[in-house]
Amino acid sequence: MATLNNFDANQVDPSVALDPLPAGKYLAVVSESELKPTKTGGGKYLQLTFQIIDGEFKGRLVWARLNIENKSEMTVKIARGELSAICRAIGVMQPKDSVELHNVPLEINVGLKKRDDNGEFTNVIKGYAKKGGGGSPVSARAPVGVGPGSTPPWKR
């Protein structure tokens, strides 16, 4: 049993289920970052929280998980490539701490992916670009040999 400190649901708006964002490009900032252990404990991932800062979906959140410490060299290579794409999009080329990535606007390309566990759609970040789309977008896609039609490293 847990004490609820006189909670009164009449005083709080109920939360509502949010559908995934429609696929598209959104202006966002990294609002939080945290290094977390992987489920197996054999590595660590950098979880980045992106907050949409403009338009109809302002305030909504999207996450990226970058496996920066892992037994699989390919997994680390993919994560480092995605981190490089983020750094290039915000102009911070040699961050010493993930907090240096916070609150700098960039454009994220959000897609939809069907979850294996329940068949529902979830958002994935497919790429990053400088704010305003100036220059060419920096892709978050996997390197050659890791993509559609090939077996991802975590399923081998």
Protein backbone atom coordinates (compact mmCIF):
# COMPACT_ATOMS: atom_id res chain seq x y z
CA MET A 1 0.00 0.00 0.00
CA ALA A 2 1.20 3.52 -0.74
CA THR A 3 0.18 6.84 0.78
CA LEU A 4 -1.12 9.26 -1.86
CA ASN A 5 -0.84 12.40 0.29
CA ASN A 6 -4.51 13.41 -0.08
CA PHE A 7 -4.43 13.28 -3.89
CA ASP A 8 -7.60 14.75 -5.45
CA ALA A 9 -8.23 13.77 -9.09
CA ASN A 10 -10.79 16.60 -9.28
CA GLN A 11 -7.89 19.05 -9.09
CA VAL A 12 -5.76 17.50 -11.87
CA ASP A 13 -6.52 17.15 -15.57
CA PRO A 14 -6.32 13.50 -16.63
CA SER A 15 -3.51 12.49 -18.94
CA VAL A 16 -4.48 11.52 -22.46
CA ALA A 17 -2.85 8.94 -24.69
CA LEU A 18 -0.78 10.56 -27.41
CA ASP A 19 -0.53 9.09 -30.88
CA PRO A 20 2.91 9.10 -32.50
CA LEU A 21 3.86 12.25 -34.38
CA PRO A 22 3.13 12.17 -38.11
CA ALA A 23 6.22 11.48 -40.21
CA GLY A 24 7.92 14.73 -41.15
CA LYS A 25 10.53 17.31 -40.27
CA TYR A 26 10.35 19.18 -36.97
CA LEU A 27 12.32 21.96 -35.33
CA ALA A 28 13.57 20.59 -32.00
CA VAL A 29 16.19 20.85 -29.27
CA VAL A 30 17.85 18.26 -27.08
CA SER A 31 16.19 18.96 -23.74
CA GLU A 32 17.65 16.10 -21.70
CA SER A 33 20.45 13.57 -21.97
CA GLU A 34 21.38 10.63 -19.81
CA LEU A 35 23.86 7.75 -20.01
CA LYS A 36 22.07 4.52 -19.09
CA PRO A 37 23.12 0.87 -18.88
CA THR A 38 21.80 -1.48 -21.57
CA LYS A 39 19.26 -4.14 -20.55
CA THR A 40 21.92 -6.85 -20.66
CA GLY A 41 24.37 -4.72 -18.69
CA GLY A 42 27.03 -5.23 -21.35
CA GLY A 43 27.15 -1.61 -22.43
CA LYS A 44 25.73 1.88 -22.13
CA TYR A 45 23.52 4.05 -24.28
CA LEU A 46 23.11 7.79 -24.44
CA GLN A 47 19.43 8.63 -24.31
CA LEU A 48 18.65 12.01 -25.88
CA THR A 49 15.25 13.62 -25.41
CA PHE A 50 14.27 15.92 -28.27
CA GLN A 51 11.53 18.46 -27.65
CA ILE A 52 9.61 19.92 -30.59
CA ILE A 53 9.83 23.71 -30.28
CA ASP A 54 7.59 24.95 -33.08
CA GLY A 55 4.32 24.26 -34.85
CA GLU A 56 1.28 22.16 -34.08
CA PHE A 57 3.25 19.59 -32.04
CA LYS A 58 5.23 22.09 -29.95
CA GLY A 59 6.19 20.53 -26.62
CA ARG A 60 6.00 16.90 -27.79
CA LEU A 61 8.99 14.64 -27.13
CA VAL A 62 10.92 12.17 -29.28
CA TRP A 63 13.83 10.02 -28.08
CA ALA A 64 17.05 8.73 -29.59
CA ARG A 65 19.11 5.99 -27.95
CA LEU A 66 22.73 5.81 -29.02
CA ASN A 67 24.56 2.63 -27.98
CA ILE A 68 27.93 4.28 -27.46
CA GLU A 69 29.38 1.41 -25.38
CA ASN A 70 28.59 -2.07 -26.66
CA LYS A 71 30.26 -5.41 -27.37
CA SER A 72 29.25 -5.03 -31.01
CA GLU A 73 31.64 -2.77 -32.93
CA MET A 74 28.96 -2.19 -35.59
CA THR A 75 26.44 -1.04 -32.98
CA VAL A 76 28.95 1.47 -31.61
CA LYS A 77 29.82 2.61 -35.14
CA ILE A 78 26.15 3.29 -35.90
CA ALA A 79 25.70 5.21 -32.63
CA ARG A 80 28.83 7.29 -33.17
CA GLY A 81 27.65 8.12 -36.70
CA GLU A 82 24.30 9.31 -35.38
CA LEU A 83 26.01 11.38 -32.67
CA SER A 84 28.22 12.91 -35.37
CA ALA A 85 25.10 13.80 -37.38
CA ILE A 86 23.60 15.55 -34.34
CA CYS A 87 26.85 17.42 -33.62
CA ARG A 88 27.12 18.61 -37.22
CA ALA A 89 23.49 19.73 -37.28
CA ILE A 90 23.96 21.91 -34.18
CA GLY A 91 27.55 22.99 -34.85
CA VAL A 92 29.11 21.47 -31.72
CA MET A 93 31.88 19.32 -33.16
CA GLN A 94 33.78 18.20 -30.05
CA PRO A 95 31.43 18.03 -27.06
CA LYS A 96 33.02 17.03 -23.77
CA ASP A 97 29.65 16.48 -22.10
CA SER A 98 26.20 15.73 -23.53
CA VAL A 99 24.86 18.91 -21.90
CA GLU A 100 26.66 20.82 -24.68
CA LEU A 101 24.08 19.37 -27.09
CA HIS A 102 21.16 20.84 -25.14
CA ASN A 103 18.94 23.74 -26.27
CA VAL A 104 20.46 24.25 -29.73
CA PRO A 105 17.74 24.16 -32.41
CA LEU A 106 18.04 21.60 -35.20
CA GLU A 107 15.70 19.91 -37.62
CA ILE A 108 14.86 16.27 -36.96
CA ASN A 109 13.35 13.99 -39.58
CA VAL A 110 10.84 11.82 -37.75
CA GLY A 111 9.50 8.59 -39.17
CA LEU A 112 7.17 5.83 -38.03
CA LYS A 113 8.12 2.24 -37.27
CA LYS A 114 5.89 -0.68 -36.31
CA ARG A 115 6.89 -2.19 -32.98
CA ASP A 116 7.65 -5.91 -32.96
CA ASP A 117 6.11 -6.50 -29.52
CA ASN A 118 2.63 -5.04 -30.02
CA GLY A 119 2.35 -3.99 -33.68
CA GLU A 120 1.69 -0.35 -32.78
CA PHE A 121 3.53 2.49 -34.48
CA THR A 122 6.23 4.46 -32.70
CA ASN A 123 8.39 7.39 -33.74
CA VAL A 124 11.99 7.04 -34.85
CA ILE A 125 14.42 9.78 -35.79
CA LYS A 126 15.69 9.16 -39.31
CA GLY A 127 17.98 12.15 -39.74
CA TYR A 128 19.17 15.54 -38.56
CA ALA A 129 19.76 18.87 -40.31
CA LYS A 130 20.76 22.38 -39.38
CA LYS A 131 17.94 24.69 -38.33
CA GLY A 132 16.19 26.04 -41.41
CA GLY A 133 17.39 23.13 -43.52
CA GLY A 134 20.41 25.09 -44.70
CA GLY A 135 22.85 22.78 -46.41
CA SER A 136 22.31 19.09 -46.92
CA PRO A 137 20.67 17.00 -44.23
CA VAL A 138 22.91 14.78 -42.17
CA SER A 139 21.54 11.26 -42.22
CA ALA A 140 21.12 9.06 -39.19
CA ARG A 141 20.88 5.99 -41.40
CA ALA A 142 23.03 2.99 -40.76
CA PRO A 143 26.26 2.48 -42.73
CA VAL A 144 26.40 0.31 -45.84
CA GLY A 145 25.51 -3.30 -45.06
CA VAL A 146 23.20 -2.35 -42.20
CA GLY A 147 19.77 -1.32 -43.36
CA PRO A 148 16.65 -2.55 -45.06
CA GLY A 149 17.15 -6.07 -46.33
CA SER A 150 20.08 -6.86 -44.05
CA THR A 151 20.03 -8.41 -40.61
CA PRO A 152 20.64 -5.84 -37.88
CA PRO A 153 23.59 -6.63 -35.57
CA TRP A 154 21.37 -7.18 -32.52
CA LYS A 155 19.46 -9.98 -34.34
CA ARG A 156 22.50 -11.87 -35.63
